[in-house]
Each structure stands twice: as C-alpha cells, then as structure tokens.
N, C-alpha and C. Protein backbone atom coordinates (compact mmCIF):
# COMPACT_ATOMS: atom_id res chain seq x y z
N MET A 1 97.79 86.17 83.15
CA MET A 1 97.45 86.96 84.34
C MET A 1 97.81 88.41 84.09
N ASN A 2 96.98 89.30 84.54
CA ASN A 2 97.21 90.72 84.31
C ASN A 2 96.91 91.51 85.55
N ILE A 3 97.71 92.53 85.76
CA ILE A 3 97.51 93.40 86.89
C ILE A 3 97.51 94.84 86.41
N SER A 4 96.55 95.61 86.85
CA SER A 4 96.52 97.03 86.54
C SER A 4 96.73 97.80 87.82
N PRO A 5 97.99 98.05 88.21
CA PRO A 5 98.27 98.66 89.50
C PRO A 5 98.12 100.15 89.51
N ILE A 6 98.08 100.74 90.66
CA ILE A 6 98.00 102.17 90.83
C ILE A 6 99.19 102.64 91.63
N SER A 7 99.07 104.03 91.19
CA SER A 7 99.84 104.97 91.83
C SER A 7 99.52 106.23 91.35
N LEU A 8 98.85 92.58 110.65
CA LEU A 8 99.65 93.67 110.75
C LEU A 8 100.45 92.96 111.69
N ASN A 9 101.14 93.24 111.19
CA ASN A 9 101.46 92.35 112.28
C ASN A 9 100.65 91.07 112.05
N THR A 10 100.28 90.28 113.11
CA THR A 10 99.46 89.10 112.89
C THR A 10 98.03 89.54 112.63
N ILE A 11 97.25 88.66 112.00
CA ILE A 11 95.87 88.98 111.70
C ILE A 11 95.09 89.22 112.97
N ASN A 12 94.29 90.28 112.98
CA ASN A 12 93.49 90.63 114.15
C ASN A 12 92.33 89.65 114.24
N LYS A 13 92.41 88.75 115.19
CA LYS A 13 91.39 87.71 115.27
C LYS A 13 90.02 88.27 115.62
N THR A 14 89.98 89.37 116.40
CA THR A 14 88.69 89.97 116.73
C THR A 14 88.05 90.57 115.50
N SER A 15 88.85 91.34 114.70
CA SER A 15 88.32 91.95 113.49
C SER A 15 87.88 90.91 112.49
N SER A 16 88.67 89.84 112.32
CA SER A 16 88.39 88.90 111.27
C SER A 16 87.13 88.10 111.52
N SER A 17 86.57 88.16 112.70
CA SER A 17 85.35 87.43 112.99
C SER A 17 84.10 88.27 112.73
N LYS A 18 84.30 89.54 112.36
CA LYS A 18 83.18 90.44 112.16
C LYS A 18 82.96 90.73 110.69
N LYS A 19 81.76 91.19 110.36
CA LYS A 19 81.45 91.61 109.01
C LYS A 19 81.43 93.12 108.95
N LEU A 20 81.80 93.67 107.80
CA LEU A 20 81.69 95.09 107.59
C LEU A 20 80.27 95.42 107.12
N SER A 21 80.08 96.61 106.54
CA SER A 21 78.71 97.04 106.22
C SER A 21 78.09 96.27 105.06
N PHE A 22 78.92 95.63 104.23
CA PHE A 22 78.32 94.73 103.26
C PHE A 22 78.78 93.33 103.58
N GLY A 23 79.22 92.51 102.65
CA GLY A 23 79.44 91.11 102.98
C GLY A 23 80.85 90.69 103.29
N GLU A 24 81.84 91.54 103.04
CA GLU A 24 83.22 91.07 103.09
C GLU A 24 83.70 90.79 104.52
N THR A 25 84.66 89.88 104.64
CA THR A 25 85.23 89.51 105.93
C THR A 25 86.62 90.13 106.07
N PRO A 26 86.85 90.98 107.06
CA PRO A 26 88.15 91.63 107.21
C PRO A 26 89.28 90.63 107.45
N VAL A 27 90.40 90.87 106.81
CA VAL A 27 91.61 90.09 107.03
C VAL A 27 92.56 90.85 107.95
N CYS A 28 92.77 92.15 107.65
CA CYS A 28 93.63 92.95 108.50
C CYS A 28 93.29 94.43 108.36
N LYS A 29 93.65 95.17 109.40
CA LYS A 29 93.45 96.62 109.39
C LYS A 29 94.64 97.29 108.70
N ILE A 30 94.35 98.34 107.93
CA ILE A 30 95.39 99.08 107.22
C ILE A 30 95.06 100.56 107.30
N ASN A 31 95.91 101.39 106.72
CA ASN A 31 95.66 102.82 106.61
C ASN A 31 95.98 103.29 105.19
N LEU A 32 95.01 103.91 104.55
CA LEU A 32 95.28 104.63 103.31
C LEU A 32 95.78 106.02 103.68
N LYS A 33 96.23 106.78 102.68
CA LYS A 33 96.62 108.16 102.90
C LYS A 33 95.72 109.09 102.10
N ARG A 34 95.31 110.20 102.73
CA ARG A 34 94.51 111.21 102.04
C ARG A 34 95.26 112.54 102.08
N LYS A 35 95.42 113.16 100.92
CA LYS A 35 96.13 114.43 100.82
C LYS A 35 95.29 115.56 101.38
N GLN A 36 95.91 116.41 102.22
CA GLN A 36 95.23 117.54 102.83
C GLN A 36 95.51 118.83 102.05
N LYS A 37 94.81 119.89 102.41
CA LYS A 37 94.95 121.17 101.70
C LYS A 37 96.37 121.72 101.79
N ASP A 38 97.08 121.41 102.87
CA ASP A 38 98.44 121.92 103.02
C ASP A 38 99.48 120.97 102.43
N ASP A 39 99.01 120.01 101.61
CA ASP A 39 99.86 119.05 100.91
C ASP A 39 100.48 118.00 101.83
N THR A 40 100.04 117.93 103.07
CA THR A 40 100.44 116.83 103.95
C THR A 40 99.45 115.70 103.77
N TYR A 41 99.74 114.55 104.37
CA TYR A 41 98.86 113.39 104.24
C TYR A 41 98.36 112.94 105.61
N LYS A 42 97.12 112.56 105.63
CA LYS A 42 96.48 112.05 106.84
C LYS A 42 96.12 110.58 106.63
N PHE A 43 96.35 109.75 107.65
CA PHE A 43 95.98 108.35 107.54
C PHE A 43 94.47 108.19 107.64
N ILE A 44 93.92 107.32 106.78
CA ILE A 44 92.50 106.99 106.80
C ILE A 44 92.37 105.50 107.13
N PRO A 45 91.73 105.15 108.24
CA PRO A 45 91.56 103.73 108.57
C PRO A 45 90.83 102.98 107.46
N ALA A 46 91.29 101.78 107.18
CA ALA A 46 90.70 100.96 106.12
C ALA A 46 90.91 99.49 106.47
N HIS A 47 90.38 98.62 105.62
CA HIS A 47 90.55 97.18 105.80
C HIS A 47 90.94 96.52 104.49
N PHE A 48 91.77 95.51 104.61
CA PHE A 48 92.01 94.55 103.52
C PHE A 48 91.11 93.37 103.83
N SER A 49 90.15 93.07 102.95
CA SER A 49 89.10 92.10 103.27
C SER A 49 88.90 91.09 102.16
N LYS A 50 88.42 89.92 102.56
CA LYS A 50 88.15 88.83 101.62
C LYS A 50 86.67 88.79 101.28
N LEU A 51 86.38 88.60 99.99
CA LEU A 51 85.00 88.46 99.52
C LEU A 51 84.63 86.98 99.44
N THR A 52 83.34 86.69 99.58
CA THR A 52 82.83 85.32 99.54
C THR A 52 81.82 85.19 98.39
N PRO A 53 82.12 84.41 97.36
CA PRO A 53 81.23 84.30 96.21
C PRO A 53 79.81 83.85 96.56
N SER A 54 79.65 83.06 97.60
CA SER A 54 78.31 82.59 97.98
C SER A 54 77.54 83.62 98.80
N GLU A 55 78.17 84.72 99.14
CA GLU A 55 77.53 85.78 99.92
C GLU A 55 76.82 86.74 98.97
N ASP A 56 75.49 86.87 99.13
CA ASP A 56 74.69 87.69 98.23
C ASP A 56 75.17 89.14 98.17
N LYS A 57 75.53 89.71 99.33
CA LYS A 57 75.98 91.10 99.37
C LYS A 57 77.28 91.28 98.60
N ASP A 58 78.15 90.30 98.69
CA ASP A 58 79.41 90.37 97.96
C ASP A 58 79.17 90.25 96.46
N GLU A 59 78.23 89.39 96.08
CA GLU A 59 77.91 89.23 94.67
C GLU A 59 77.36 90.53 94.08
N LEU A 60 76.50 91.19 94.83
CA LEU A 60 75.95 92.48 94.37
C LEU A 60 77.05 93.53 94.27
N LEU A 61 77.95 93.52 95.23
CA LEU A 61 79.05 94.48 95.22
C LEU A 61 79.92 94.30 93.98
N VAL A 62 80.30 93.07 93.68
CA VAL A 62 81.17 92.80 92.54
C VAL A 62 80.47 93.13 91.23
N ASP A 63 79.17 92.84 91.15
CA ASP A 63 78.40 93.19 89.95
C ASP A 63 78.39 94.70 89.74
N ARG A 64 78.24 95.45 90.85
CA ARG A 64 78.23 96.91 90.74
C ARG A 64 79.59 97.43 90.31
N ILE A 65 80.64 96.88 90.86
CA ILE A 65 81.99 97.27 90.46
C ILE A 65 82.20 97.00 88.98
N LYS A 66 81.74 95.84 88.51
CA LYS A 66 81.87 95.50 87.09
C LYS A 66 81.14 96.53 86.23
N ASP A 67 79.92 96.88 86.61
CA ASP A 67 79.12 97.81 85.80
C ASP A 67 79.73 99.21 85.75
N VAL A 68 80.29 99.67 86.87
CA VAL A 68 80.81 101.04 86.94
C VAL A 68 82.28 101.11 86.50
N TRP A 69 83.12 100.28 87.11
CA TRP A 69 84.55 100.31 86.78
C TRP A 69 84.82 99.71 85.41
N GLY A 70 83.97 98.76 85.00
CA GLY A 70 84.20 98.05 83.74
C GLY A 70 83.88 98.83 82.49
N LYS A 71 83.43 100.06 82.63
CA LYS A 71 83.14 100.88 81.46
C LYS A 71 84.41 101.23 80.70
N ARG A 72 85.52 101.20 81.39
CA ARG A 72 86.80 101.45 80.73
C ARG A 72 87.29 100.19 80.05
N ASN A 73 87.78 100.33 78.83
CA ASN A 73 88.20 99.17 78.05
C ASN A 73 89.38 98.43 78.67
N ASP A 74 90.21 99.17 79.42
CA ASP A 74 91.40 98.55 79.99
C ASP A 74 91.21 98.07 81.43
N SER A 75 89.97 98.09 81.89
CA SER A 75 89.69 97.68 83.26
C SER A 75 89.59 96.16 83.36
N TYR A 76 90.15 95.61 84.44
CA TYR A 76 90.06 94.17 84.68
C TYR A 76 88.87 93.83 85.58
N ALA A 77 88.03 94.81 85.86
CA ALA A 77 86.87 94.57 86.72
C ALA A 77 85.93 93.52 86.13
N VAL A 78 85.77 93.53 84.81
CA VAL A 78 84.89 92.56 84.16
C VAL A 78 85.44 91.15 84.32
N ASP A 79 86.74 90.98 84.12
CA ASP A 79 87.37 89.66 84.28
C ASP A 79 87.23 89.15 85.71
N ILE A 80 87.48 90.04 86.67
CA ILE A 80 87.36 89.65 88.07
C ILE A 80 85.93 89.24 88.39
N ALA A 81 84.96 90.04 87.93
CA ALA A 81 83.55 89.74 88.20
C ALA A 81 83.12 88.42 87.57
N SER A 82 83.58 88.15 86.35
CA SER A 82 83.23 86.90 85.68
C SER A 82 83.77 85.71 86.45
N ASN A 83 85.01 85.79 86.89
CA ASN A 83 85.61 84.69 87.64
C ASN A 83 84.98 84.54 89.02
N PHE A 84 84.59 85.67 89.60
CA PHE A 84 83.91 85.63 90.90
C PHE A 84 82.60 84.86 90.79
N ALA A 85 81.84 85.12 89.72
CA ALA A 85 80.56 84.44 89.52
C ALA A 85 80.75 82.95 89.31
N LEU A 86 81.85 82.56 88.66
CA LEU A 86 82.11 81.14 88.41
C LEU A 86 82.41 80.37 89.68
N GLN A 87 82.87 81.06 90.73
CA GLN A 87 83.23 80.37 91.98
C GLN A 87 81.99 79.92 92.76
N ASN A 88 80.89 80.62 92.56
CA ASN A 88 79.69 80.33 93.34
C ASN A 88 79.14 78.95 92.99
N GLY A 89 79.09 78.08 93.97
CA GLY A 89 78.55 76.74 93.75
C GLY A 89 79.58 75.75 93.24
N ARG A 90 80.83 76.18 93.10
CA ARG A 90 81.87 75.28 92.62
C ARG A 90 82.99 75.21 93.65
N SER A 91 83.90 74.27 93.43
CA SER A 91 85.06 74.22 94.31
C SER A 91 85.86 75.50 94.14
N VAL A 92 86.36 76.01 95.22
CA VAL A 92 87.03 77.32 95.19
C VAL A 92 88.41 77.20 94.57
N ASN A 93 88.67 77.97 93.52
CA ASN A 93 89.95 77.99 92.86
C ASN A 93 90.69 79.31 93.07
N ASN A 94 89.96 80.34 93.47
CA ASN A 94 90.56 81.66 93.63
C ASN A 94 90.04 82.33 94.90
N ASN A 95 90.80 83.29 95.39
CA ASN A 95 90.32 84.20 96.42
C ASN A 95 90.13 85.57 95.81
N PHE A 96 89.25 86.35 96.43
CA PHE A 96 88.96 87.70 95.96
C PHE A 96 89.00 88.64 97.16
N TYR A 97 89.68 89.77 96.99
CA TYR A 97 89.88 90.71 98.08
C TYR A 97 89.54 92.13 97.64
N VAL A 98 89.24 92.98 98.62
CA VAL A 98 89.04 94.40 98.36
C VAL A 98 89.74 95.20 99.45
N ILE A 99 90.03 96.45 99.12
CA ILE A 99 90.42 97.44 100.12
C ILE A 99 89.24 98.37 100.28
N SER A 100 88.81 98.58 101.53
CA SER A 100 87.64 99.41 101.79
C SER A 100 87.96 100.45 102.86
N ARG A 101 87.55 101.67 102.60
CA ARG A 101 87.75 102.77 103.56
C ARG A 101 86.74 102.67 104.69
N ASP A 102 87.19 102.95 105.91
CA ASP A 102 86.31 102.91 107.07
C ASP A 102 85.53 104.22 107.27
N ASP A 103 85.95 105.28 106.58
CA ASP A 103 85.34 106.59 106.80
C ASP A 103 84.13 106.85 105.90
N LEU A 104 83.80 105.91 105.04
CA LEU A 104 82.64 106.06 104.17
C LEU A 104 81.64 104.95 104.45
N LYS A 105 80.35 105.27 104.40
CA LYS A 105 79.31 104.29 104.67
C LYS A 105 78.82 103.60 103.40
N ASP A 106 78.81 104.32 102.29
CA ASP A 106 78.33 103.77 101.03
C ASP A 106 79.25 102.62 100.60
N PRO A 107 78.74 101.38 100.54
CA PRO A 107 79.60 100.24 100.21
C PRO A 107 80.22 100.33 98.82
N TYR A 108 79.63 101.09 97.92
CA TYR A 108 80.15 101.20 96.57
C TYR A 108 81.19 102.30 96.44
N ARG A 109 81.18 103.27 97.33
CA ARG A 109 82.16 104.35 97.30
C ARG A 109 83.39 104.02 98.12
N LYS A 110 83.25 103.14 99.10
CA LYS A 110 84.34 102.88 100.02
C LYS A 110 85.42 101.95 99.46
N ILE A 111 85.11 101.24 98.37
CA ILE A 111 86.07 100.31 97.78
C ILE A 111 87.07 101.07 96.91
N THR A 112 88.36 100.89 97.18
CA THR A 112 89.39 101.55 96.37
C THR A 112 90.12 100.58 95.46
N CYS A 113 89.99 99.27 95.73
CA CYS A 113 90.73 98.30 94.93
C CYS A 113 90.09 96.92 95.08
N ILE A 114 90.15 96.13 94.01
CA ILE A 114 89.66 94.76 94.06
C ILE A 114 90.69 93.87 93.37
N MET A 115 90.85 92.65 93.86
CA MET A 115 91.87 91.78 93.29
C MET A 115 91.44 90.31 93.33
N GLN A 116 92.05 89.51 92.44
CA GLN A 116 91.85 88.07 92.38
C GLN A 116 93.19 87.39 92.54
N THR A 117 93.22 86.36 93.39
CA THR A 117 94.48 85.66 93.68
C THR A 117 94.28 84.15 93.69
N THR A 118 95.37 83.45 93.88
CA THR A 118 95.31 82.02 94.18
C THR A 118 94.47 81.80 95.43
N SER A 119 93.74 80.70 95.46
CA SER A 119 93.02 80.34 96.68
C SER A 119 94.01 79.98 97.78
N THR A 120 93.76 80.46 98.98
CA THR A 120 94.62 80.11 100.11
C THR A 120 94.48 78.64 100.49
N ASP A 121 93.43 77.96 99.96
CA ASP A 121 93.25 76.53 100.20
C ASP A 121 94.01 75.67 99.20
N GLU A 122 94.68 76.30 98.25
CA GLU A 122 95.45 75.58 97.24
C GLU A 122 96.50 74.69 97.91
N ARG A 123 96.57 73.41 97.50
CA ARG A 123 97.53 72.50 98.11
C ARG A 123 98.96 72.78 97.66
N ASP A 124 99.11 73.23 96.42
CA ASP A 124 100.43 73.57 95.91
C ASP A 124 100.84 74.93 96.48
N LYS A 125 101.77 74.95 97.38
CA LYS A 125 102.17 76.18 98.06
C LYS A 125 103.41 76.83 97.43
N SER A 126 103.71 76.47 96.19
CA SER A 126 104.92 77.01 95.56
C SER A 126 104.80 78.50 95.27
N LYS A 127 103.60 78.97 94.93
CA LYS A 127 103.45 80.41 94.71
C LYS A 127 102.01 80.85 94.92
N PHE A 128 101.89 82.06 95.42
CA PHE A 128 100.60 82.72 95.62
C PHE A 128 100.52 83.79 94.53
N SER A 129 99.72 83.52 93.50
CA SER A 129 99.65 84.41 92.34
C SER A 129 98.59 85.48 92.50
N ILE A 130 98.96 86.71 92.17
CA ILE A 130 97.98 87.79 92.05
C ILE A 130 97.59 87.85 90.58
N ASP A 131 96.40 87.35 90.27
CA ASP A 131 95.95 87.23 88.89
C ASP A 131 95.52 88.58 88.31
N TYR A 132 94.72 89.30 89.08
CA TYR A 132 94.24 90.63 88.66
C TYR A 132 94.25 91.56 89.86
N LEU A 133 94.61 92.81 89.61
CA LEU A 133 94.51 93.84 90.63
C LEU A 133 94.01 95.10 89.95
N GLN A 134 92.83 95.55 90.34
CA GLN A 134 92.21 96.70 89.68
C GLN A 134 91.83 97.76 90.70
N ALA A 135 92.33 98.96 90.47
CA ALA A 135 92.01 100.10 91.34
C ALA A 135 90.77 100.81 90.84
N HIS A 136 90.17 101.58 91.72
CA HIS A 136 89.04 102.43 91.36
C HIS A 136 89.47 103.36 90.22
N PRO A 137 88.61 103.56 89.21
CA PRO A 137 88.98 104.40 88.06
C PRO A 137 89.41 105.82 88.43
N ASN A 138 88.87 106.34 89.53
CA ASN A 138 89.25 107.70 89.94
C ASN A 138 90.62 107.76 90.62
N ILE A 139 91.17 106.59 90.92
CA ILE A 139 92.45 106.52 91.62
C ILE A 139 93.57 106.04 90.71
N GLU A 140 93.27 105.06 89.89
CA GLU A 140 94.29 104.39 89.09
C GLU A 140 95.06 105.37 88.19
N ASN A 141 96.37 105.37 88.36
CA ASN A 141 97.26 106.19 87.53
C ASN A 141 96.83 107.66 87.47
N ASN A 142 96.22 108.13 88.53
CA ASN A 142 95.74 109.51 88.59
C ASN A 142 96.61 110.31 89.57
N PRO A 143 97.51 111.14 89.07
CA PRO A 143 98.40 111.88 89.97
C PRO A 143 97.67 112.91 90.83
N PHE A 144 96.42 113.22 90.47
CA PHE A 144 95.65 114.21 91.22
C PHE A 144 94.74 113.58 92.27
N SER A 145 94.71 112.25 92.33
CA SER A 145 93.89 111.58 93.33
C SER A 145 94.40 111.92 94.73
N LYS A 146 93.46 112.23 95.63
CA LYS A 146 93.84 112.55 97.01
C LYS A 146 94.07 111.29 97.84
N ILE A 147 93.58 110.16 97.35
CA ILE A 147 93.74 108.90 98.07
C ILE A 147 94.94 108.15 97.54
N LYS A 148 95.86 107.81 98.42
CA LYS A 148 97.09 107.14 98.02
C LYS A 148 97.27 105.82 98.78
N GLY A 149 97.89 104.85 98.12
CA GLY A 149 98.32 103.65 98.81
C GLY A 149 97.60 102.36 98.47
N SER A 150 96.55 102.41 97.64
CA SER A 150 95.77 101.19 97.40
C SER A 150 96.60 100.08 96.78
N GLY A 151 97.48 100.42 95.85
CA GLY A 151 98.29 99.39 95.20
C GLY A 151 99.25 98.73 96.16
N GLU A 152 100.00 99.54 96.92
CA GLU A 152 100.96 99.00 97.87
C GLU A 152 100.27 98.20 98.96
N LEU A 153 99.14 98.68 99.43
CA LEU A 153 98.42 98.00 100.50
C LEU A 153 97.76 96.71 100.01
N SER A 154 97.40 96.66 98.74
CA SER A 154 96.90 95.41 98.17
C SER A 154 97.99 94.35 98.20
N LEU A 155 99.20 94.73 97.81
CA LEU A 155 100.33 93.80 97.89
C LEU A 155 100.60 93.39 99.33
N TYR A 156 100.50 94.35 100.22
CA TYR A 156 100.70 94.09 101.65
C TYR A 156 99.75 92.99 102.15
N GLY A 157 98.46 93.15 101.84
CA GLY A 157 97.49 92.16 102.26
C GLY A 157 97.75 90.79 101.65
N CYS A 158 98.15 90.78 100.39
CA CYS A 158 98.42 89.52 99.71
C CYS A 158 99.64 88.82 100.31
N VAL A 159 100.67 89.59 100.63
CA VAL A 159 101.86 89.00 101.26
C VAL A 159 101.50 88.43 102.63
N LYS A 160 100.66 89.13 103.38
CA LYS A 160 100.22 88.60 104.68
C LYS A 160 99.48 87.28 104.51
N GLU A 161 98.61 87.20 103.51
CA GLU A 161 97.88 85.96 103.26
C GLU A 161 98.83 84.84 102.84
N ALA A 162 99.77 85.16 101.96
CA ALA A 162 100.74 84.16 101.52
C ALA A 162 101.56 83.63 102.70
N LYS A 163 101.99 84.53 103.56
CA LYS A 163 102.76 84.13 104.74
C LYS A 163 101.92 83.29 105.69
N GLU A 164 100.70 83.72 105.94
CA GLU A 164 99.81 83.03 106.87
C GLU A 164 99.52 81.60 106.41
N HIS A 165 99.44 81.40 105.08
CA HIS A 165 99.02 80.10 104.56
C HIS A 165 100.18 79.31 103.96
N GLY A 166 101.40 79.74 104.21
CA GLY A 166 102.56 78.91 103.90
C GLY A 166 103.02 78.88 102.45
N PHE A 167 102.74 79.93 101.68
CA PHE A 167 103.20 79.97 100.29
C PHE A 167 104.66 80.42 100.23
N LYS A 168 105.40 79.88 99.25
CA LYS A 168 106.83 80.13 99.14
C LYS A 168 107.17 81.46 98.48
N GLU A 169 106.27 81.99 97.70
CA GLU A 169 106.50 83.28 97.06
C GLU A 169 105.18 83.89 96.63
N VAL A 170 105.18 85.21 96.47
CA VAL A 170 104.06 85.92 95.84
C VAL A 170 104.49 86.23 94.42
N TYR A 171 103.67 85.84 93.46
CA TYR A 171 103.99 85.97 92.04
C TYR A 171 103.06 86.99 91.40
N ILE A 172 103.64 87.95 90.69
CA ILE A 172 102.87 89.05 90.11
C ILE A 172 103.17 89.16 88.63
N SER A 173 102.12 89.18 87.80
CA SER A 173 102.26 89.46 86.38
C SER A 173 101.76 90.87 86.14
N SER A 174 102.59 91.71 85.57
CA SER A 174 102.34 93.15 85.57
C SER A 174 102.11 93.73 84.18
N SER A 175 101.24 94.75 84.14
CA SER A 175 101.09 95.56 82.94
C SER A 175 101.64 96.97 83.17
N ASN A 176 102.30 97.16 84.31
CA ASN A 176 102.86 98.47 84.66
C ASN A 176 104.14 98.26 85.48
N ASN A 177 105.20 97.88 84.80
CA ASN A 177 106.44 97.55 85.48
C ASN A 177 106.98 98.65 86.39
N PRO A 178 106.90 99.93 85.99
CA PRO A 178 107.49 100.97 86.86
C PRO A 178 106.94 100.97 88.29
N PHE A 179 105.67 100.60 88.45
CA PHE A 179 105.09 100.57 89.79
C PHE A 179 105.83 99.58 90.68
N TYR A 180 106.09 98.39 90.17
CA TYR A 180 106.74 97.36 90.96
C TYR A 180 108.24 97.61 91.08
N GLU A 181 108.83 98.18 90.05
CA GLU A 181 110.24 98.53 90.13
C GLU A 181 110.46 99.62 91.18
N HIS A 182 109.50 100.52 91.30
CA HIS A 182 109.58 101.57 92.32
C HIS A 182 109.59 100.98 93.73
N LEU A 183 108.94 99.83 93.87
CA LEU A 183 108.90 99.14 95.17
C LEU A 183 110.10 98.22 95.37
N ASN A 184 111.00 98.22 94.38
CA ASN A 184 112.23 97.41 94.44
C ASN A 184 111.93 95.91 94.52
N LEU A 185 110.87 95.48 93.81
CA LEU A 185 110.56 94.05 93.78
C LEU A 185 111.45 93.35 92.76
N LYS A 186 111.71 92.09 93.00
CA LYS A 186 112.57 91.31 92.11
C LYS A 186 111.82 90.95 90.83
N HIS A 187 112.50 91.01 89.71
CA HIS A 187 111.93 90.57 88.44
C HIS A 187 111.87 89.04 88.42
N GLY A 188 110.78 88.52 87.85
CA GLY A 188 110.66 87.08 87.67
C GLY A 188 111.39 86.64 86.41
N VAL A 189 111.31 85.35 86.11
CA VAL A 189 111.99 84.79 84.94
C VAL A 189 111.36 85.31 83.66
N ARG A 190 110.03 85.39 83.63
CA ARG A 190 109.33 85.87 82.44
C ARG A 190 109.27 87.39 82.42
N ASN A 191 109.09 87.92 81.22
CA ASN A 191 108.96 89.37 81.09
C ASN A 191 107.74 89.87 81.85
N SER A 192 107.87 91.05 82.44
CA SER A 192 106.77 91.71 83.15
C SER A 192 106.22 90.88 84.30
N THR A 193 107.07 90.13 84.95
CA THR A 193 106.67 89.41 86.16
C THR A 193 107.59 89.82 87.31
N PHE A 194 107.02 89.78 88.50
CA PHE A 194 107.76 90.14 89.71
C PHE A 194 107.45 89.12 90.79
N ILE A 195 108.39 88.95 91.72
CA ILE A 195 108.16 88.00 92.80
C ILE A 195 108.60 88.63 94.13
N ILE A 196 107.94 88.18 95.19
CA ILE A 196 108.37 88.47 96.55
C ILE A 196 108.62 87.12 97.20
N ASP A 197 109.87 86.82 97.48
CA ASP A 197 110.24 85.53 98.07
C ASP A 197 109.79 85.45 99.53
N GLU A 198 109.59 84.23 99.98
CA GLU A 198 109.22 83.98 101.37
C GLU A 198 110.21 84.63 102.34
N ALA A 199 111.49 84.61 101.99
CA ALA A 199 112.52 85.19 102.85
C ALA A 199 112.40 86.70 102.96
N ASP A 200 111.69 87.32 102.01
CA ASP A 200 111.54 88.78 101.99
C ASP A 200 110.18 89.25 102.53
N TYR A 201 109.33 88.31 102.94
CA TYR A 201 107.99 88.70 103.42
C TYR A 201 108.08 89.70 104.58
N ASP A 202 108.84 89.35 105.60
CA ASP A 202 108.86 90.19 106.81
C ASP A 202 109.39 91.59 106.53
N SER A 203 110.44 91.69 105.73
CA SER A 203 111.00 93.01 105.44
C SER A 203 110.04 93.84 104.61
N PHE A 204 109.34 93.21 103.66
CA PHE A 204 108.35 93.94 102.86
C PHE A 204 107.20 94.42 103.73
N LEU A 205 106.68 93.55 104.59
CA LEU A 205 105.57 93.92 105.47
C LEU A 205 105.98 95.06 106.40
N ALA A 206 107.19 94.97 106.95
CA ALA A 206 107.66 96.00 107.88
C ALA A 206 107.79 97.35 107.16
N ARG A 207 108.24 97.33 105.92
CA ARG A 207 108.41 98.57 105.16
C ARG A 207 107.07 99.25 104.91
N ILE A 208 106.05 98.46 104.54
CA ILE A 208 104.72 99.02 104.29
C ILE A 208 104.07 99.48 105.58
N GLU A 209 104.26 98.71 106.65
CA GLU A 209 103.69 99.10 107.94
C GLU A 209 104.25 100.43 108.43
N GLU A 210 105.54 100.63 108.24
CA GLU A 210 106.15 101.90 108.65
C GLU A 210 105.63 103.06 107.80
N LYS A 211 105.51 102.84 106.50
CA LYS A 211 105.08 103.90 105.59
C LYS A 211 103.64 104.32 105.85
N TYR A 212 102.77 103.36 106.21
CA TYR A 212 101.34 103.64 106.36
C TYR A 212 100.86 103.58 107.81
N GLY A 213 101.77 103.59 108.74
CA GLY A 213 101.39 103.67 110.15
C GLY A 213 100.54 102.51 110.62
N ILE A 214 100.84 101.31 110.13
CA ILE A 214 100.08 100.12 110.52
C ILE A 214 100.71 99.51 111.76
N LYS A 215 99.88 99.29 112.79
CA LYS A 215 100.38 98.73 114.04
C LYS A 215 99.71 97.41 114.35
C-alpha cells in the first residue's frame, strides 16, 4: 500500500442523499483553505465524497484523472484508476473517495484529491486501510499552492467513515513520513506506517474541524 500525501460532526443525511455535478455521492461537508493576497486564508466549501464504480460519470472522471495526473511517474492515479475499473461488475473490495471544491463547476478542475480504501462493507473491522491517497499534481508537495488542506481533510473523511462503520483503527502506509509525523499520528509496527486508534477518532476529528471551520 502506498500513499502520496500533500502539503462533521455526524454525516449530513440531507447532503448524502444528493448527487453533485458529476457522479459522486457526498459523505460530509468540509472546508479547504485558499491563500489570499494579504497572506491570510479563506475557507472554501468542499465535499468529501464517495465514488461508485458502476456509475458512468464516476468512471469517466477517474479515467480523466488517470490520464492527466498519471503523467507523473510517481503518481498513484494510475493504480487507483486500475483498481476502480476492476470493481465494476465484481463484488466490492474497496471504496474510492474524492475531495471536490464547491466553488468550481468543471468536474475535472474541482477535484483536489482521490483515494482508495478498505470497503466499508468489509466484515473484518480490525482496520480501515488507506491504500492510496493522491493529490492533484498542482497541489502535492507544492509550497506555492494556494489551496491547502486536501491531505488532512482526506484523513478526516476516512476517519469519519471508519468511525461510522465500526472499524477499530485507520491504518496508513506512507511514502512521506514527515506529513503524518506533523499531524502527531502514531507510528505502526512496520516501517512507514501510521495508525489512528478508535479511541483517538473523536479527538482527531475535533482537531481538524476546529482548524478548517467544519460545523
């Protein structure tokens, strides 16, 4: 498992029943941060949303992300897209999520991050694994990017899903340890792995909600 990271409370039942401009189903409302000319940050409404492999619009979206983001040799977009295609017509083994900005209409420009995780339907609730997490190439590890928060908010959404579906921990395999160490996450048993225990879900969620103005 590999992750390429960057640097609400309860699920809104009304939001989760609606579709956004392409195929994804919202899980929760979030806020990204956008840097202003005076070096302050403004919150940008966004969503953490689940993709559906059998949804044609979602399939087109993931294919486009693969073609554009996957041009970089170190991008996990190709791996995510390949696994997404394998889910269609088969028993579901994984979930796929995106972070999308609400202030943009273009479905291909509004996505800031895509990820692959354990299926929430998995019977074994011992761990909710984040298999891949890939940020938009213009954001990932770019200190000049005006958009901030995709990595932390991706973890936020995953922790909410893990809590909602009864998983005992969130398990992360990392290719960028400093990002997770900066968040004060616990190291796992194996090298370059991190975990968020069930007992720490609420405190982690509260910390991200305060930082990003999530209500």
